[in-house]
């Protein structure tokens, strides 16, 4: 169950780091029977995998506002609102 989807929703904001790289995204969606959160700030780590549904790997810079995504979190999740966690995997849904 470690790979359960934490949140499914739309990217509503992109956060860049000092070098202009994508460091995190804000994802907003509905709580669904198989998800845990309706809003989350999702950090992109070195080991975060970003995939399209066809298996194609994407770069963090490919993430854009309005994309629908599923996020599997890794490690500790800060129970703030919105919650903050690091992505193990981000799936971009068509």
N, C-alpha and C. Protein backbone atom coordinates (compact mmCIF):
# COMPACT_ATOMS: atom_id res chain seq x y z
N UNK A 1 0.84 -1.22 0.00
CA UNK A 1 0.00 0.00 0.00
C UNK A 1 0.86 1.24 0.00
N UNK A 2 2.18 1.03 0.00
CA UNK A 2 3.09 2.17 0.01
C UNK A 2 2.95 3.02 -1.24
N UNK A 3 2.53 2.39 -2.33
CA UNK A 3 2.43 3.12 -3.58
C UNK A 3 1.02 3.62 -3.84
N UNK A 4 0.26 3.81 -2.75
CA UNK A 4 -1.10 4.33 -2.94
C UNK A 4 -1.02 5.79 -3.36
N UNK A 5 -2.01 6.20 -4.10
CA UNK A 5 -2.04 7.57 -4.62
C UNK A 5 -2.41 8.52 -3.48
N UNK A 6 -1.55 9.52 -3.22
CA UNK A 6 -1.83 10.48 -2.16
C UNK A 6 -2.85 11.50 -2.59
N UNK A 7 -2.72 11.96 -3.83
CA UNK A 7 -3.64 12.97 -4.35
C UNK A 7 -3.75 12.82 -5.85
N UNK A 8 -4.93 13.10 -6.37
CA UNK A 8 -5.16 13.14 -7.81
C UNK A 8 -5.85 14.47 -8.08
N UNK A 9 -5.32 15.24 -8.99
CA UNK A 9 -5.93 16.54 -9.25
C UNK A 9 -5.16 17.32 -10.28
N UNK A 10 -5.38 18.62 -10.24
CA UNK A 10 -4.82 19.50 -11.25
C UNK A 10 -3.69 20.32 -10.64
N UNK A 11 -2.64 20.51 -11.42
CA UNK A 11 -1.56 21.41 -11.00
C UNK A 11 -2.07 22.84 -11.10
N UNK A 12 -2.10 23.55 -9.96
CA UNK A 12 -2.61 24.92 -9.97
C UNK A 12 -1.52 25.95 -9.76
N UNK A 13 -0.33 25.50 -9.35
CA UNK A 13 0.76 26.44 -9.16
C UNK A 13 2.07 25.68 -9.30
N UNK A 14 3.09 26.37 -9.84
CA UNK A 14 4.42 25.79 -10.00
C UNK A 14 5.37 26.63 -9.17
N UNK A 15 6.19 25.97 -8.36
CA UNK A 15 7.17 26.69 -7.54
C UNK A 15 8.56 26.42 -8.08
N UNK A 16 9.32 27.48 -8.33
CA UNK A 16 10.68 27.36 -8.86
C UNK A 16 11.69 27.59 -7.74
N UNK A 17 12.85 26.94 -7.88
CA UNK A 17 13.93 27.23 -6.92
C UNK A 17 14.77 28.39 -7.44
N UNK A 18 15.84 28.69 -6.75
CA UNK A 18 16.68 29.84 -7.11
C UNK A 18 17.27 29.75 -8.50
N UNK A 19 17.40 28.53 -9.02
CA UNK A 19 17.98 28.35 -10.36
C UNK A 19 16.92 28.31 -11.44
N UNK A 20 15.65 28.59 -11.05
CA UNK A 20 14.59 28.58 -12.04
C UNK A 20 14.11 27.19 -12.41
N UNK A 21 14.52 26.19 -11.64
CA UNK A 21 14.06 24.83 -11.88
C UNK A 21 12.78 24.58 -11.08
N UNK A 22 11.96 23.66 -11.56
CA UNK A 22 10.73 23.33 -10.86
C UNK A 22 11.08 22.58 -9.58
N UNK A 23 10.72 23.17 -8.43
CA UNK A 23 11.04 22.56 -7.13
C UNK A 23 9.83 21.89 -6.51
N UNK A 24 8.64 22.39 -6.84
CA UNK A 24 7.42 21.84 -6.26
C UNK A 24 6.24 22.28 -7.10
N UNK A 25 5.13 21.54 -6.95
CA UNK A 25 3.89 21.93 -7.61
C UNK A 25 2.77 21.85 -6.58
N UNK A 26 1.78 22.72 -6.75
CA UNK A 26 0.58 22.65 -5.93
C UNK A 26 -0.47 21.87 -6.71
N UNK A 27 -1.00 20.82 -6.09
CA UNK A 27 -2.00 19.98 -6.75
C UNK A 27 -3.30 20.10 -5.96
N UNK A 28 -4.39 20.36 -6.67
CA UNK A 28 -5.70 20.46 -6.03
C UNK A 28 -6.67 19.53 -6.73
N UNK A 29 -7.39 18.77 -5.94
CA UNK A 29 -8.35 17.84 -6.51
C UNK A 29 -9.46 17.56 -5.52
N UNK A 30 -10.20 16.50 -5.79
CA UNK A 30 -11.23 16.06 -4.86
C UNK A 30 -10.70 14.87 -4.08
N UNK A 31 -11.13 14.74 -2.84
CA UNK A 31 -10.84 13.51 -2.11
C UNK A 31 -11.60 12.40 -2.81
N UNK A 32 -10.90 11.35 -3.15
CA UNK A 32 -11.56 10.20 -3.77
C UNK A 32 -11.37 8.99 -2.88
N UNK A 33 -12.07 7.91 -3.20
CA UNK A 33 -12.02 6.73 -2.33
C UNK A 33 -10.60 6.18 -2.21
N UNK A 34 -9.77 6.45 -3.22
CA UNK A 34 -8.41 5.88 -3.19
C UNK A 34 -7.33 6.94 -2.99
N UNK A 35 -7.71 8.15 -2.59
CA UNK A 35 -6.71 9.18 -2.33
C UNK A 35 -6.86 9.72 -0.91
N UNK A 36 -5.83 10.40 -0.42
CA UNK A 36 -5.79 10.84 0.97
C UNK A 36 -5.96 12.34 1.16
N UNK A 37 -5.71 13.12 0.11
CA UNK A 37 -5.69 14.58 0.26
C UNK A 37 -6.42 15.24 -0.89
N UNK A 38 -6.90 16.48 -0.64
CA UNK A 38 -7.55 17.24 -1.71
C UNK A 38 -6.68 18.41 -2.17
N UNK A 39 -5.60 18.67 -1.44
CA UNK A 39 -4.70 19.77 -1.81
C UNK A 39 -3.34 19.44 -1.22
N UNK A 40 -2.30 19.56 -2.02
CA UNK A 40 -0.97 19.22 -1.52
C UNK A 40 0.09 20.00 -2.28
N UNK A 41 1.11 20.42 -1.55
CA UNK A 41 2.31 20.98 -2.16
C UNK A 41 3.29 19.83 -2.31
N UNK A 42 3.58 19.51 -3.55
CA UNK A 42 4.34 18.30 -3.87
C UNK A 42 5.76 18.69 -4.26
N UNK A 43 6.71 18.32 -3.43
CA UNK A 43 8.11 18.61 -3.73
C UNK A 43 8.67 17.62 -4.74
N UNK A 44 9.49 18.14 -5.65
CA UNK A 44 10.14 17.28 -6.64
C UNK A 44 11.56 17.02 -6.15
N UNK A 45 11.88 15.75 -5.91
CA UNK A 45 13.22 15.38 -5.45
C UNK A 45 14.02 14.83 -6.62
N UNK A 46 15.34 14.64 -6.37
CA UNK A 46 16.21 14.07 -7.40
C UNK A 46 15.66 12.73 -7.89
N UNK A 47 15.10 11.96 -6.94
CA UNK A 47 14.66 10.60 -7.30
C UNK A 47 13.18 10.53 -7.65
N UNK A 48 12.52 11.67 -7.73
CA UNK A 48 11.10 11.65 -8.13
C UNK A 48 10.99 11.23 -9.59
N UNK A 49 10.09 10.31 -9.85
CA UNK A 49 9.86 9.84 -11.22
C UNK A 49 8.60 10.52 -11.76
N UNK A 50 8.70 11.09 -12.94
CA UNK A 50 7.56 11.75 -13.57
C UNK A 50 7.27 11.01 -14.87
N UNK A 51 6.06 10.47 -14.96
CA UNK A 51 5.73 9.60 -16.09
C UNK A 51 4.41 10.02 -16.73
N UNK A 52 4.33 9.85 -18.04
CA UNK A 52 3.04 9.90 -18.71
C UNK A 52 2.41 8.52 -18.62
N UNK A 53 1.11 8.44 -18.91
CA UNK A 53 0.42 7.15 -18.79
C UNK A 53 1.00 6.12 -19.75
N UNK A 54 1.66 6.56 -20.83
CA UNK A 54 2.26 5.60 -21.76
C UNK A 54 3.65 5.16 -21.32
N UNK A 55 4.08 5.62 -20.14
CA UNK A 55 5.37 5.20 -19.62
C UNK A 55 6.52 6.12 -19.95
N UNK A 56 6.27 7.11 -20.80
CA UNK A 56 7.32 8.06 -21.17
C UNK A 56 7.72 8.90 -19.96
N UNK A 57 9.03 9.00 -19.71
CA UNK A 57 9.52 9.81 -18.60
C UNK A 57 9.56 11.28 -18.99
N UNK A 58 9.18 12.12 -18.05
CA UNK A 58 9.20 13.57 -18.26
C UNK A 58 10.18 14.21 -17.29
N UNK A 59 10.56 15.43 -17.61
CA UNK A 59 11.39 16.24 -16.71
C UNK A 59 10.46 17.11 -15.85
N UNK A 60 10.95 17.55 -14.67
CA UNK A 60 10.14 18.46 -13.85
C UNK A 60 9.67 19.69 -14.64
N UNK A 61 10.53 20.16 -15.55
CA UNK A 61 10.18 21.35 -16.34
C UNK A 61 9.01 21.11 -17.29
N UNK A 62 8.67 19.84 -17.52
CA UNK A 62 7.53 19.52 -18.38
C UNK A 62 6.20 19.71 -17.66
N UNK A 63 6.24 19.84 -16.35
CA UNK A 63 5.00 20.00 -15.59
C UNK A 63 4.47 21.41 -15.78
N UNK A 64 3.19 21.51 -16.10
CA UNK A 64 2.58 22.80 -16.38
C UNK A 64 1.27 22.94 -15.61
N UNK A 65 0.88 24.18 -15.37
CA UNK A 65 -0.43 24.44 -14.76
C UNK A 65 -1.52 23.82 -15.62
N UNK A 66 -2.53 23.26 -14.95
CA UNK A 66 -3.66 22.70 -15.67
C UNK A 66 -3.54 21.22 -15.97
N UNK A 67 -2.32 20.67 -15.82
CA UNK A 67 -2.16 19.23 -16.03
C UNK A 67 -2.85 18.47 -14.91
N UNK A 68 -3.45 17.33 -15.28
CA UNK A 68 -4.05 16.46 -14.27
C UNK A 68 -3.02 15.39 -13.91
N UNK A 69 -2.78 15.22 -12.63
CA UNK A 69 -1.73 14.30 -12.19
C UNK A 69 -2.20 13.45 -11.02
N UNK A 70 -1.51 12.32 -10.85
CA UNK A 70 -1.62 11.49 -9.66
C UNK A 70 -0.26 11.51 -9.00
N UNK A 71 -0.24 11.63 -7.66
CA UNK A 71 1.02 11.71 -6.94
C UNK A 71 1.10 10.59 -5.91
N UNK A 72 2.22 9.85 -5.96
CA UNK A 72 2.56 8.91 -4.90
C UNK A 72 3.67 9.57 -4.08
N UNK A 73 3.43 9.71 -2.77
CA UNK A 73 4.40 10.38 -1.91
C UNK A 73 5.44 9.40 -1.39
N UNK A 74 6.60 9.95 -0.99
CA UNK A 74 7.63 9.16 -0.32
C UNK A 74 7.99 9.86 0.99
N UNK A 75 8.28 9.05 2.00
CA UNK A 75 8.78 9.62 3.25
C UNK A 75 7.74 10.40 4.02
N UNK A 76 8.22 11.36 4.80
CA UNK A 76 7.36 12.08 5.73
C UNK A 76 6.47 13.09 5.01
N UNK A 77 5.24 13.17 5.45
CA UNK A 77 4.32 14.18 4.92
C UNK A 77 3.98 15.16 6.03
N UNK A 78 4.25 16.44 5.81
CA UNK A 78 3.95 17.46 6.81
C UNK A 78 2.46 17.75 6.78
N UNK A 79 1.80 17.52 7.91
CA UNK A 79 0.34 17.65 7.96
C UNK A 79 -0.08 19.10 8.13
N UNK A 80 0.48 19.96 7.31
CA UNK A 80 0.01 21.35 7.29
C UNK A 80 -1.20 21.38 6.35
N UNK A 81 -1.73 22.55 6.08
CA UNK A 81 -2.73 22.63 5.00
C UNK A 81 -2.30 23.71 4.04
N UNK A 82 -2.04 23.41 2.80
CA UNK A 82 -2.09 22.03 2.28
C UNK A 82 -0.93 21.19 2.82
N UNK A 83 -1.08 19.87 2.80
CA UNK A 83 0.01 19.01 3.24
C UNK A 83 1.20 19.21 2.30
N UNK A 84 2.39 18.93 2.82
CA UNK A 84 3.60 19.05 2.01
C UNK A 84 4.35 17.73 2.07
N UNK A 85 4.73 17.26 0.92
CA UNK A 85 5.49 16.01 0.86
C UNK A 85 6.30 15.95 -0.41
N UNK A 86 7.21 14.99 -0.43
CA UNK A 86 8.04 14.77 -1.62
C UNK A 86 7.40 13.70 -2.48
N UNK A 87 7.49 13.91 -3.78
CA UNK A 87 6.92 12.94 -4.71
C UNK A 87 7.86 11.76 -4.90
N UNK A 88 7.32 10.55 -4.76
CA UNK A 88 8.03 9.37 -5.24
C UNK A 88 7.78 9.25 -6.73
N UNK A 89 6.50 9.45 -7.11
CA UNK A 89 6.14 9.36 -8.52
C UNK A 89 5.01 10.34 -8.81
N UNK A 90 5.09 10.96 -9.96
CA UNK A 90 4.01 11.81 -10.47
C UNK A 90 3.61 11.24 -11.81
N UNK A 91 2.34 10.86 -11.91
CA UNK A 91 1.82 10.37 -13.20
C UNK A 91 0.98 11.46 -13.82
N UNK A 92 1.33 11.82 -15.05
CA UNK A 92 0.56 12.82 -15.78
C UNK A 92 -0.55 12.10 -16.53
N UNK A 93 -1.79 12.41 -16.21
CA UNK A 93 -2.94 11.73 -16.80
C UNK A 93 -3.37 12.46 -18.06
N UNK A 94 -3.82 11.73 -19.05
CA UNK A 94 -4.25 12.35 -20.30
C UNK A 94 -5.63 12.97 -20.13
